[in-house]
Amino acid sequence: MTKHAISPQSGVLGETFACDCGTVLAGRMTAELHAAENGLCSACLGSTEEQLAPGLLRGCSACVGTGRRKEQITWQLAYAEAEQLITMSVVRGIVSGFDGPFRLSEIADTVRASLGLPTGRMPVGPRVRDLLLRMQAEGEITMLSAPDEMVGTDMVLYRDPQWQRARTLGL
């Protein structure tokens, strides 16, 4: 079995990529096609990471950090289904039922419950986040970020429940 790992190359030819199988790929589109043909995620080209800005990497959100095409397709289909089910009118209706501040997770949980979706069925949280950000951009709501805890008078503590860790940020 031939190994395929596609990486960007610098050179005089412009944007080029090289695969471990020995193929040199001219341009991003060619690299994406080669990745897809070989079962790799066409967003991260199988690297499992996406570059948000020069020097700033995170796990690929298209394939959920696996680098594989199957997971990418599964995620894209789930997100497309979420876009069809979770509409702006659904989120507006739920937000209108809250008096005062609310957490994104409260809106997402209410959407999930009202649509009868089991946890993990589709990306409810990211879809709700996108719609809340759109509501904010349109001036319908104001979103705030609040720390979980104050540490003294000059430091706040933000907890990351997903990774069960805490980090402190100085003010």
C-alpha atoms as a PDB file:
ATOM      1  CA  MET A   1       0.000   0.000   0.000  1.00  0.00           C
ATOM      2  CA  THR A   2       1.379   3.381  -0.978  1.00  0.00           C
ATOM      3  CA  LYS A   3       1.553   5.990   1.737  1.00  0.00           C
ATOM      4  CA  HIS A   4       0.008   9.346   0.963  1.00  0.00           C
ATOM      5  CA  ALA A   5       0.890  12.394   3.012  1.00  0.00           C
ATOM      6  CA  ILE A   6       0.584  15.667   1.147  1.00  0.00           C
ATOM      7  CA  SER A   7       2.562  18.687   2.218  1.00  0.00           C
ATOM      8  CA  PRO A   8       3.040  22.182   0.793  1.00  0.00           C
ATOM      9  CA  GLN A   9       6.337  22.895  -0.949  1.00  0.00           C
ATOM     10  CA  SER A  10       8.080  26.184  -1.435  1.00  0.00           C
ATOM     11  CA  GLY A  11       9.635  26.934  -4.751  1.00  0.00           C
ATOM     12  CA  VAL A  12       9.610  29.008  -7.882  1.00  0.00           C
ATOM     13  CA  LEU A  13       6.595  27.211  -9.350  1.00  0.00           C
ATOM     14  CA  GLY A  14       4.149  28.965  -7.049  1.00  0.00           C
ATOM     15  CA  GLU A  15       1.801  26.939  -4.887  1.00  0.00           C
ATOM     16  CA  THR A  16       2.930  23.323  -5.139  1.00  0.00           C
ATOM     17  CA  PHE A  17       2.443  20.239  -3.011  1.00  0.00           C
ATOM     18  CA  ALA A  18       4.284  16.955  -2.745  1.00  0.00           C
ATOM     19  CA  CYS A  19       2.923  13.569  -1.768  1.00  0.00           C
ATOM     20  CA  ASP A  20       4.927  10.787  -0.110  1.00  0.00           C
ATOM     21  CA  CYS A  21       3.979   8.572  -3.054  1.00  0.00           C
ATOM     22  CA  GLY A  22       6.315  10.732  -5.177  1.00  0.00           C
ATOM     23  CA  THR A  23       3.685  12.822  -6.954  1.00  0.00           C
ATOM     24  CA  VAL A  24       4.297  16.566  -7.287  1.00  0.00           C
ATOM     25  CA  LEU A  25       1.034  18.477  -7.380  1.00  0.00           C
ATOM     26  CA  ALA A  26       0.729  21.914  -8.971  1.00  0.00           C
ATOM     27  CA  GLY A  27      -1.866  23.986  -7.153  1.00  0.00           C
ATOM     28  CA  ARG A  28      -4.264  23.457  -4.286  1.00  0.00           C
ATOM     29  CA  MET A  29      -7.033  22.027  -6.450  1.00  0.00           C
ATOM     30  CA  THR A  30      -4.793  19.258  -7.778  1.00  0.00           C
ATOM     31  CA  ALA A  31      -3.633  18.455  -4.240  1.00  0.00           C
ATOM     32  CA  GLU A  32      -7.237  18.273  -3.005  1.00  0.00           C
ATOM     33  CA  LEU A  33      -8.187  15.940  -5.861  1.00  0.00           C
ATOM     34  CA  HIS A  34      -5.187  13.677  -5.140  1.00  0.00           C
ATOM     35  CA  ALA A  35      -6.127  13.620  -1.446  1.00  0.00           C
ATOM     36  CA  ALA A  36      -9.755  12.724  -2.195  1.00  0.00           C
ATOM     37  CA  GLU A  37      -8.741   9.983  -4.650  1.00  0.00           C
ATOM     38  CA  ASN A  38      -6.616   8.418  -1.917  1.00  0.00           C
ATOM     39  CA  GLY A  39      -9.140   8.615   0.908  1.00  0.00           C
ATOM     40  CA  LEU A  40      -7.632  11.682   2.581  1.00  0.00           C
ATOM     41  CA  CYS A  41      -9.452  14.772   3.780  1.00  0.00           C
ATOM     42  CA  SER A  42      -9.397  17.352   1.005  1.00  0.00           C
ATOM     43  CA  ALA A  43      -9.390  20.241   3.495  1.00  0.00           C
ATOM     44  CA  CYS A  44      -6.245  19.359   5.479  1.00  0.00           C
ATOM     45  CA  LEU A  45      -4.798  17.080   2.759  1.00  0.00           C
ATOM     46  CA  GLY A  46      -4.506  14.282   5.303  1.00  0.00           C
ATOM     47  CA  SER A  47      -2.319  16.216   7.722  1.00  0.00           C
ATOM     48  CA  THR A  48      -5.073  16.266  10.431  1.00  0.00           C
ATOM     49  CA  GLU A  49      -4.371  19.967  11.049  1.00  0.00           C
ATOM     50  CA  GLU A  50      -5.611  23.164   9.494  1.00  0.00           C
ATOM     51  CA  GLN A  51      -3.627  26.371   9.485  1.00  0.00           C
ATOM     52  CA  LEU A  52      -5.716  29.282  10.767  1.00  0.00           C
ATOM     53  CA  ALA A  53      -2.905  31.787  10.356  1.00  0.00           C
ATOM     54  CA  PRO A  54       0.836  31.425   9.776  1.00  0.00           C
ATOM     55  CA  GLY A  55       2.174  29.445  12.720  1.00  0.00           C
ATOM     56  CA  LEU A  56      -1.296  28.816  14.227  1.00  0.00           C
ATOM     57  CA  LEU A  57      -2.522  25.242  13.766  1.00  0.00           C
ATOM     58  CA  ARG A  58      -5.517  23.326  15.139  1.00  0.00           C
ATOM     59  CA  GLY A  59      -7.123  19.986  14.481  1.00  0.00           C
ATOM     60  CA  CYS A  60      -8.918  19.938  11.146  1.00  0.00           C
ATOM     61  CA  SER A  61     -12.590  20.726  11.605  1.00  0.00           C
ATOM     62  CA  ALA A  62     -13.530  19.194   8.246  1.00  0.00           C
ATOM     63  CA  CYS A  63     -12.444  15.646   9.147  1.00  0.00           C
ATOM     64  CA  VAL A  64     -12.493  16.033  12.933  1.00  0.00           C
ATOM     65  CA  GLY A  65      -8.701  15.731  13.028  1.00  0.00           C
ATOM     66  CA  THR A  66      -8.540  12.259  11.460  1.00  0.00           C
ATOM     67  CA  GLY A  67      -7.130  13.226   8.069  1.00  0.00           C
ATOM     68  CA  ARG A  68      -9.500  10.762   6.410  1.00  0.00           C
ATOM     69  CA  ARG A  69     -12.080  11.384   3.683  1.00  0.00           C
ATOM     70  CA  LYS A  70     -14.852   9.223   5.190  1.00  0.00           C
ATOM     71  CA  GLU A  71     -15.004  11.305   8.363  1.00  0.00           C
ATOM     72  CA  GLN A  72     -14.908  14.517   6.305  1.00  0.00           C
ATOM     73  CA  ILE A  73     -17.916  13.419   4.243  1.00  0.00           C
ATOM     74  CA  THR A  74     -19.800  12.249   7.346  1.00  0.00           C
ATOM     75  CA  TRP A  75     -19.176  15.601   9.073  1.00  0.00           C
ATOM     76  CA  GLN A  76     -20.179  17.619   5.993  1.00  0.00           C
ATOM     77  CA  LEU A  77     -23.419  15.653   5.611  1.00  0.00           C
ATOM     78  CA  ALA A  78     -24.247  16.091   9.304  1.00  0.00           C
ATOM     79  CA  TYR A  79     -23.582  19.833   9.090  1.00  0.00           C
ATOM     80  CA  ALA A  80     -25.734  20.125   5.946  1.00  0.00           C
ATOM     81  CA  GLU A  81     -28.540  18.297   7.746  1.00  0.00           C
ATOM     82  CA  ALA A  82     -28.160  20.660  10.711  1.00  0.00           C
ATOM     83  CA  GLU A  83     -28.459  23.646   8.354  1.00  0.00           C
ATOM     84  CA  GLN A  84     -31.749  22.258   7.037  1.00  0.00           C
ATOM     85  CA  LEU A  85     -33.255  21.467  10.458  1.00  0.00           C
ATOM     86  CA  ILE A  86     -31.894  24.275  12.602  1.00  0.00           C
ATOM     87  CA  THR A  87     -33.089  27.438  10.934  1.00  0.00           C
ATOM     88  CA  MET A  88     -32.890  31.052  12.004  1.00  0.00           C
ATOM     89  CA  SER A  89     -36.586  31.018  12.900  1.00  0.00           C
ATOM     90  CA  VAL A  90     -36.052  28.024  15.223  1.00  0.00           C
ATOM     91  CA  VAL A  91     -33.198  29.770  17.054  1.00  0.00           C
ATOM     92  CA  ARG A  92     -35.045  33.115  17.165  1.00  0.00           C
ATOM     93  CA  GLY A  93     -38.061  31.397  18.705  1.00  0.00           C
ATOM     94  CA  ILE A  94     -35.946  29.763  21.393  1.00  0.00           C
ATOM     95  CA  VAL A  95     -33.939  32.921  22.150  1.00  0.00           C
ATOM     96  CA  SER A  96     -37.163  34.929  22.490  1.00  0.00           C
ATOM     97  CA  GLY A  97     -38.236  32.573  25.282  1.00  0.00           C
ATOM     98  CA  PHE A  98     -35.256  33.548  27.451  1.00  0.00           C
ATOM     99  CA  ASP A  99     -35.513  36.560  29.759  1.00  0.00           C
ATOM    100  CA  GLY A 100     -32.054  38.040  30.160  1.00  0.00           C
ATOM    101  CA  PRO A 101     -28.658  36.418  29.625  1.00  0.00           C
ATOM    102  CA  PHE A 102     -28.283  32.856  28.391  1.00  0.00           C
ATOM    103  CA  ARG A 103     -25.464  30.497  27.515  1.00  0.00           C
ATOM    104  CA  LEU A 104     -24.926  29.167  24.015  1.00  0.00           C
ATOM    105  CA  SER A 105     -25.138  25.660  25.457  1.00  0.00           C
ATOM    106  CA  GLU A 106     -28.610  26.416  26.866  1.00  0.00           C
ATOM    107  CA  ILE A 107     -29.862  27.424  23.428  1.00  0.00           C
ATOM    108  CA  ALA A 108     -28.203  24.392  21.792  1.00  0.00           C
ATOM    109  CA  ASP A 109     -29.649  22.015  24.412  1.00  0.00           C
ATOM    110  CA  THR A 110     -33.118  23.524  23.948  1.00  0.00           C
ATOM    111  CA  VAL A 111     -32.832  23.192  20.152  1.00  0.00           C
ATOM    112  CA  ARG A 112     -31.689  19.572  20.522  1.00  0.00           C
ATOM    113  CA  ALA A 113     -34.558  18.769  22.886  1.00  0.00           C
ATOM    114  CA  SER A 114     -37.211  20.563  20.818  1.00  0.00           C
ATOM    115  CA  LEU A 115     -36.159  18.687  17.663  1.00  0.00           C
ATOM    116  CA  GLY A 116     -35.814  15.386  19.530  1.00  0.00           C
ATOM    117  CA  LEU A 117     -32.179  14.918  18.517  1.00  0.00           C
ATOM    118  CA  PRO A 118     -29.930  12.585  20.515  1.00  0.00           C
ATOM    119  CA  THR A 119     -26.574  13.957  21.643  1.00  0.00           C
ATOM    120  CA  GLY A 120     -23.947  13.550  18.940  1.00  0.00           C
ATOM    121  CA  ARG A 121     -26.523  13.118  16.176  1.00  0.00           C
ATOM    122  CA  MET A 122     -25.451  16.296  14.406  1.00  0.00           C
ATOM    123  CA  PRO A 123     -23.398  19.436  15.147  1.00  0.00           C
ATOM    124  CA  VAL A 124     -26.133  21.360  16.955  1.00  0.00           C
ATOM    125  CA  GLY A 125     -23.748  23.577  18.948  1.00  0.00           C
ATOM    126  CA  PRO A 126     -21.723  24.846  15.974  1.00  0.00           C
ATOM    127  CA  ARG A 127     -24.899  25.513  13.954  1.00  0.00           C
ATOM    128  CA  VAL A 128     -26.526  27.393  16.842  1.00  0.00           C
ATOM    129  CA  ARG A 129     -23.289  29.357  17.348  1.00  0.00           C
ATOM    130  CA  ASP A 130     -23.253  30.377  13.681  1.00  0.00           C
ATOM    131  CA  LEU A 131     -26.868  31.560  13.844  1.00  0.00           C
ATOM    132  CA  LEU A 132     -26.322  33.453  17.108  1.00  0.00           C
ATOM    133  CA  LEU A 133     -23.303  35.189  15.560  1.00  0.00           C
ATOM    134  CA  ARG A 134     -25.482  36.137  12.586  1.00  0.00           C
ATOM    135  CA  MET A 135     -28.127  37.501  14.959  1.00  0.00           C
ATOM    136  CA  GLN A 136     -25.418  39.518  16.677  1.00  0.00           C
ATOM    137  CA  ALA A 137     -24.141  40.872  13.345  1.00  0.00           C
ATOM    138  CA  GLU A 138     -27.689  41.921  12.466  1.00  0.00           C
ATOM    139  CA  GLY A 139     -28.041  43.693  15.826  1.00  0.00           C
ATOM    140  CA  GLU A 140     -30.746  41.392  17.217  1.00  0.00           C
ATOM    141  CA  ILE A 141     -28.730  40.244  20.224  1.00  0.00           C
ATOM    142  CA  THR A 142     -25.546  41.204  22.038  1.00  0.00           C
ATOM    143  CA  MET A 143     -23.159  38.421  22.918  1.00  0.00           C
ATOM    144  CA  LEU A 144     -20.832  38.665  25.894  1.00  0.00           C
ATOM    145  CA  SER A 145     -18.082  36.482  27.250  1.00  0.00           C
ATOM    146  CA  ALA A 146     -17.833  36.192  31.004  1.00  0.00           C
ATOM    147  CA  PRO A 147     -15.096  34.494  33.045  1.00  0.00           C
ATOM    148  CA  ASP A 148     -15.954  31.469  35.155  1.00  0.00           C
ATOM    149  CA  GLU A 149     -14.195  32.848  38.206  1.00  0.00           C
ATOM    150  CA  MET A 150     -12.278  35.898  39.405  1.00  0.00           C
ATOM    151  CA  VAL A 151      -8.913  35.147  41.010  1.00  0.00           C
ATOM    152  CA  GLY A 152      -7.988  38.143  43.098  1.00  0.00           C
ATOM    153  CA  THR A 153      -8.457  41.558  41.538  1.00  0.00           C
ATOM    154  CA  ASP A 154      -6.291  41.211  38.444  1.00  0.00           C
ATOM    155  CA  MET A 155      -6.859  37.726  37.072  1.00  0.00           C
ATOM    156  CA  VAL A 156      -9.786  35.764  35.654  1.00  0.00           C
ATOM    157  CA  LEU A 157     -10.172  32.023  35.229  1.00  0.00           C
ATOM    158  CA  TYR A 158     -11.754  30.521  32.103  1.00  0.00           C
ATOM    159  CA  ARG A 159     -12.522  26.801  32.335  1.00  0.00           C
ATOM    160  CA  ASP A 160     -12.529  24.649  29.236  1.00  0.00           C
ATOM    161  CA  PRO A 161     -15.057  21.881  30.002  1.00  0.00           C
ATOM    162  CA  GLN A 162     -14.228  19.931  26.842  1.00  0.00           C
ATOM    163  CA  TRP A 163     -10.675  19.250  27.954  1.00  0.00           C
ATOM    164  CA  GLN A 164     -11.286  19.516  31.709  1.00  0.00           C
ATOM    165  CA  ARG A 165      -8.517  22.025  32.172  1.00  0.00           C
ATOM    166  CA  ALA A 166      -8.294  25.564  33.348  1.00  0.00           C
ATOM    167  CA  ARG A 167      -6.118  28.371  32.133  1.00  0.00           C
ATOM    168  CA  THR A 168      -5.585  31.748  33.642  1.00  0.00           C
ATOM    169  CA  LEU A 169      -5.387  34.971  31.741  1.00  0.00           C
ATOM    170  CA  GLY A 170      -3.891  38.062  33.311  1.00  0.00           C
ATOM    171  CA  LEU A 171      -5.813  41.317  32.962  1.00  0.00           C
END
